[in-house]
Amino acid sequence: MNAVPIIIPAIAADGSLYPVEKLKVHTDGLFHLAVSIFIFDGDHLLIQKRASSKYHCGGMWANSCCTHPHWEEPLEQCAHRRLSEELGISVSLLPRLVVEYSADVGSGLHEHEKVTMYTGTADRATLRIEPDPLEVEETRWVTRDQLHAEIAQNPESFTPWFRIYAERYPELTF
């Protein structure tokens, strides 16, 4: 049985949205919508190690959660859906920034995204994280200094977009 392709919103030159299969936006480097989430507990940020089986950037560390909305799915609904699917958690989220970036993510794939960034807070002592092993290999909480030191020492251990976020938007990585 073949999986039904996921259709996500790509962005035309005039700013209008049109539906495209998710893998096609990455193989063709099409500009598209995305969501990135940053969950904090005081001076700690929740990060995740992507499952090694992911179609790109498997086994690399990323922000708390990131994804693409399905066609016609509201962005905030998408953010909550994906937190639940990937990490098994639900927290209140606030939209923070809308940014654009472009990056080679390996294996002939390219991200060119208009990203709505959300932040949320949680108590790491009581938050019960139940990651889907097909999505997430590991989670941990890091401080700003730990994160930036690790990125400087082993940049290849972090997804291209997370390295971009840490450099360009330090307010979201603390």
Protein backbone atom coordinates (compact mmCIF):
# COMPACT_ATOMS: atom_id res chain seq x y z
CA MET A 1 0.00 0.00 0.00
CA ASN A 2 1.41 3.39 -0.99
CA ALA A 3 1.37 6.25 1.47
CA VAL A 4 -0.79 9.20 0.57
CA PRO A 5 1.49 12.14 -0.29
CA ILE A 6 1.40 15.07 2.11
CA ILE A 7 0.36 18.30 0.42
CA ILE A 8 1.77 21.51 1.85
CA PRO A 9 1.49 25.22 0.92
CA ALA A 10 4.13 26.55 -1.45
CA ILE A 11 4.43 30.29 -2.02
CA ALA A 12 4.22 31.80 -5.52
CA ALA A 13 6.16 34.89 -6.60
CA ASP A 14 3.05 37.03 -6.01
CA GLY A 15 2.73 35.71 -2.43
CA SER A 16 -0.24 33.47 -3.11
CA LEU A 17 -0.25 29.90 -1.86
CA TYR A 18 -0.58 26.77 -3.97
CA PRO A 19 -0.59 23.08 -3.02
CA VAL A 20 2.52 20.97 -3.65
CA GLU A 21 3.61 17.50 -2.51
CA LYS A 22 6.03 17.84 0.43
CA LEU A 23 8.95 15.99 -1.14
CA LYS A 24 8.66 18.08 -4.33
CA VAL A 25 9.15 21.36 -2.43
CA HIS A 26 12.43 19.96 -1.13
CA THR A 27 13.70 18.37 -4.35
CA ASP A 28 12.85 21.51 -6.33
CA GLY A 29 13.78 24.01 -3.58
CA LEU A 30 10.36 25.68 -3.74
CA PHE A 31 9.54 28.49 -1.31
CA HIS A 32 7.00 27.14 1.21
CA LEU A 33 5.42 27.62 4.63
CA ALA A 34 6.84 26.06 7.79
CA VAL A 35 6.52 26.24 11.56
CA SER A 36 9.30 26.10 14.19
CA ILE A 37 8.66 25.74 17.91
CA PHE A 38 10.89 26.57 20.87
CA ILE A 39 9.87 25.26 24.31
CA PHE A 40 11.59 26.87 27.30
CA ASP A 41 11.85 26.23 31.00
CA GLY A 42 13.58 29.31 32.38
CA ASP A 43 17.07 29.35 30.90
CA HIS A 44 16.73 25.91 29.29
CA LEU A 45 15.54 25.10 25.77
CA LEU A 46 14.10 21.72 24.81
CA ILE A 47 15.89 20.33 21.75
CA GLN A 48 15.33 17.10 19.87
CA LYS A 49 17.52 14.69 17.95
CA ARG A 50 15.70 13.79 14.75
CA ALA A 51 15.16 10.09 14.08
CA SER A 52 17.95 8.63 11.93
CA SER A 53 15.31 7.33 9.52
CA LYS A 54 14.03 10.85 8.62
CA TYR A 55 14.27 11.64 4.91
CA HIS A 56 16.66 14.50 5.62
CA CYS A 57 18.83 15.57 8.55
CA GLY A 58 18.25 12.30 10.40
CA GLY A 59 20.25 11.94 13.62
CA MET A 60 20.83 15.70 13.88
CA TRP A 61 19.79 18.01 16.71
CA ALA A 62 17.08 20.61 16.06
CA ASN A 63 14.87 23.01 17.96
CA SER A 64 11.97 21.63 20.01
CA CYS A 65 9.81 20.89 16.98
CA CYS A 66 9.47 21.98 13.36
CA THR A 67 7.19 21.02 10.52
CA HIS A 68 5.14 22.05 7.52
CA PRO A 69 1.43 22.82 7.71
CA HIS A 70 -0.84 20.65 5.63
CA TRP A 71 -2.64 22.41 2.79
CA GLU A 72 -5.20 24.85 4.28
CA GLU A 73 -4.20 24.00 7.87
CA PRO A 74 -3.91 27.05 10.16
CA LEU A 75 -0.31 27.55 11.33
CA GLU A 76 -1.01 27.51 15.07
CA GLN A 77 -3.12 24.37 14.70
CA CYS A 78 -0.21 22.82 12.80
CA ALA A 79 2.22 23.72 15.58
CA HIS A 80 0.04 22.10 18.24
CA ARG A 81 -0.60 19.03 16.07
CA ARG A 82 3.07 18.45 15.49
CA LEU A 83 4.07 18.93 19.14
CA SER A 84 1.60 16.18 19.97
CA GLU A 85 2.66 13.90 17.11
CA GLU A 86 6.42 14.23 17.60
CA LEU A 87 6.82 14.75 21.34
CA GLY A 88 3.48 13.75 22.84
CA ILE A 89 3.13 17.14 24.55
CA SER A 90 0.71 20.05 24.61
CA VAL A 91 1.71 23.53 25.78
CA SER A 92 0.44 27.05 25.13
CA LEU A 93 2.24 28.73 22.23
CA LEU A 94 2.84 32.34 21.26
CA PRO A 95 3.79 33.46 17.74
CA ARG A 96 7.11 35.31 17.87
CA LEU A 97 8.63 35.94 14.45
CA VAL A 98 8.11 35.21 10.79
CA VAL A 99 11.43 34.64 9.04
CA GLU A 100 12.75 33.32 5.75
CA TYR A 101 15.76 31.11 5.22
CA SER A 102 17.23 28.87 2.56
CA ALA A 103 19.56 25.91 3.18
CA ASP A 104 20.87 22.75 1.59
CA VAL A 105 19.72 19.88 3.83
CA GLY A 106 21.64 17.12 2.05
CA SER A 107 20.68 14.24 -0.22
CA GLY A 108 19.84 16.67 -3.04
CA LEU A 109 17.17 18.38 -0.92
CA HIS A 110 16.78 22.06 -0.19
CA GLU A 111 14.71 24.06 2.30
CA HIS A 112 13.47 27.52 1.32
CA GLU A 113 10.98 28.42 4.00
CA LYS A 114 8.83 31.20 5.34
CA VAL A 115 8.78 30.11 8.97
CA THR A 116 6.40 31.21 11.69
CA MET A 117 8.22 30.74 14.97
CA TYR A 118 6.38 29.94 18.18
CA THR A 119 7.56 29.82 21.77
CA GLY A 120 6.08 28.02 24.73
CA THR A 121 7.02 27.34 28.33
CA ALA A 122 6.96 24.16 30.35
CA ASP A 123 8.27 22.82 33.63
CA ARG A 124 10.94 20.30 32.65
CA ALA A 125 10.60 18.59 36.04
CA THR A 126 6.98 17.65 35.35
CA LEU A 127 6.65 17.75 31.54
CA ARG A 128 6.12 14.23 30.31
CA ILE A 129 7.73 13.94 26.89
CA GLU A 130 6.71 10.86 24.90
CA PRO A 131 8.55 11.09 21.58
CA ASP A 132 7.44 9.11 18.55
CA PRO A 133 10.54 6.99 17.76
CA LEU A 134 9.87 7.36 14.02
CA GLU A 135 10.29 11.12 14.44
CA VAL A 136 12.56 11.73 17.45
CA GLU A 137 15.48 9.70 18.81
CA GLU A 138 16.19 11.78 21.88
CA THR A 139 15.31 15.01 23.67
CA ARG A 140 17.20 17.11 26.17
CA TRP A 141 17.22 20.54 27.78
CA VAL A 142 20.17 22.87 27.13
CA THR A 143 21.22 26.31 28.28
CA ARG A 144 22.22 29.04 25.83
CA ASP A 145 25.90 28.60 26.63
CA GLN A 146 25.72 24.82 26.19
CA LEU A 147 23.89 25.14 22.88
CA HIS A 148 26.20 27.72 21.36
CA ALA A 149 29.31 25.87 22.56
CA GLU A 150 28.06 22.59 21.06
CA ILE A 151 27.16 24.23 17.75
CA ALA A 152 30.61 25.84 17.59
CA GLN A 153 32.35 22.56 18.43
CA ASN A 154 30.22 20.18 16.31
CA PRO A 155 28.13 22.15 13.79
CA GLU A 156 27.47 19.00 11.74
CA SER A 157 25.50 17.57 14.68
CA PHE A 158 22.84 20.27 14.26
CA THR A 159 20.35 20.79 11.44
CA PRO A 160 21.17 23.61 9.01
CA TRP A 161 18.06 25.56 10.01
CA PHE A 162 18.79 25.29 13.73
CA ARG A 163 22.31 26.63 13.16
CA ILE A 164 20.79 29.51 11.16
CA TYR A 165 18.26 30.22 13.91
CA ALA A 166 20.98 30.21 16.60
CA GLU A 167 23.05 32.67 14.61
CA ARG A 168 20.35 35.02 13.27
CA TYR A 169 17.68 34.88 15.98
CA PRO A 170 19.43 34.50 19.34
CA GLU A 171 16.28 35.69 21.13
CA LEU A 172 14.67 32.40 20.11
CA THR A 173 17.57 30.29 21.23
CA PHE A 174 17.48 32.38 24.40
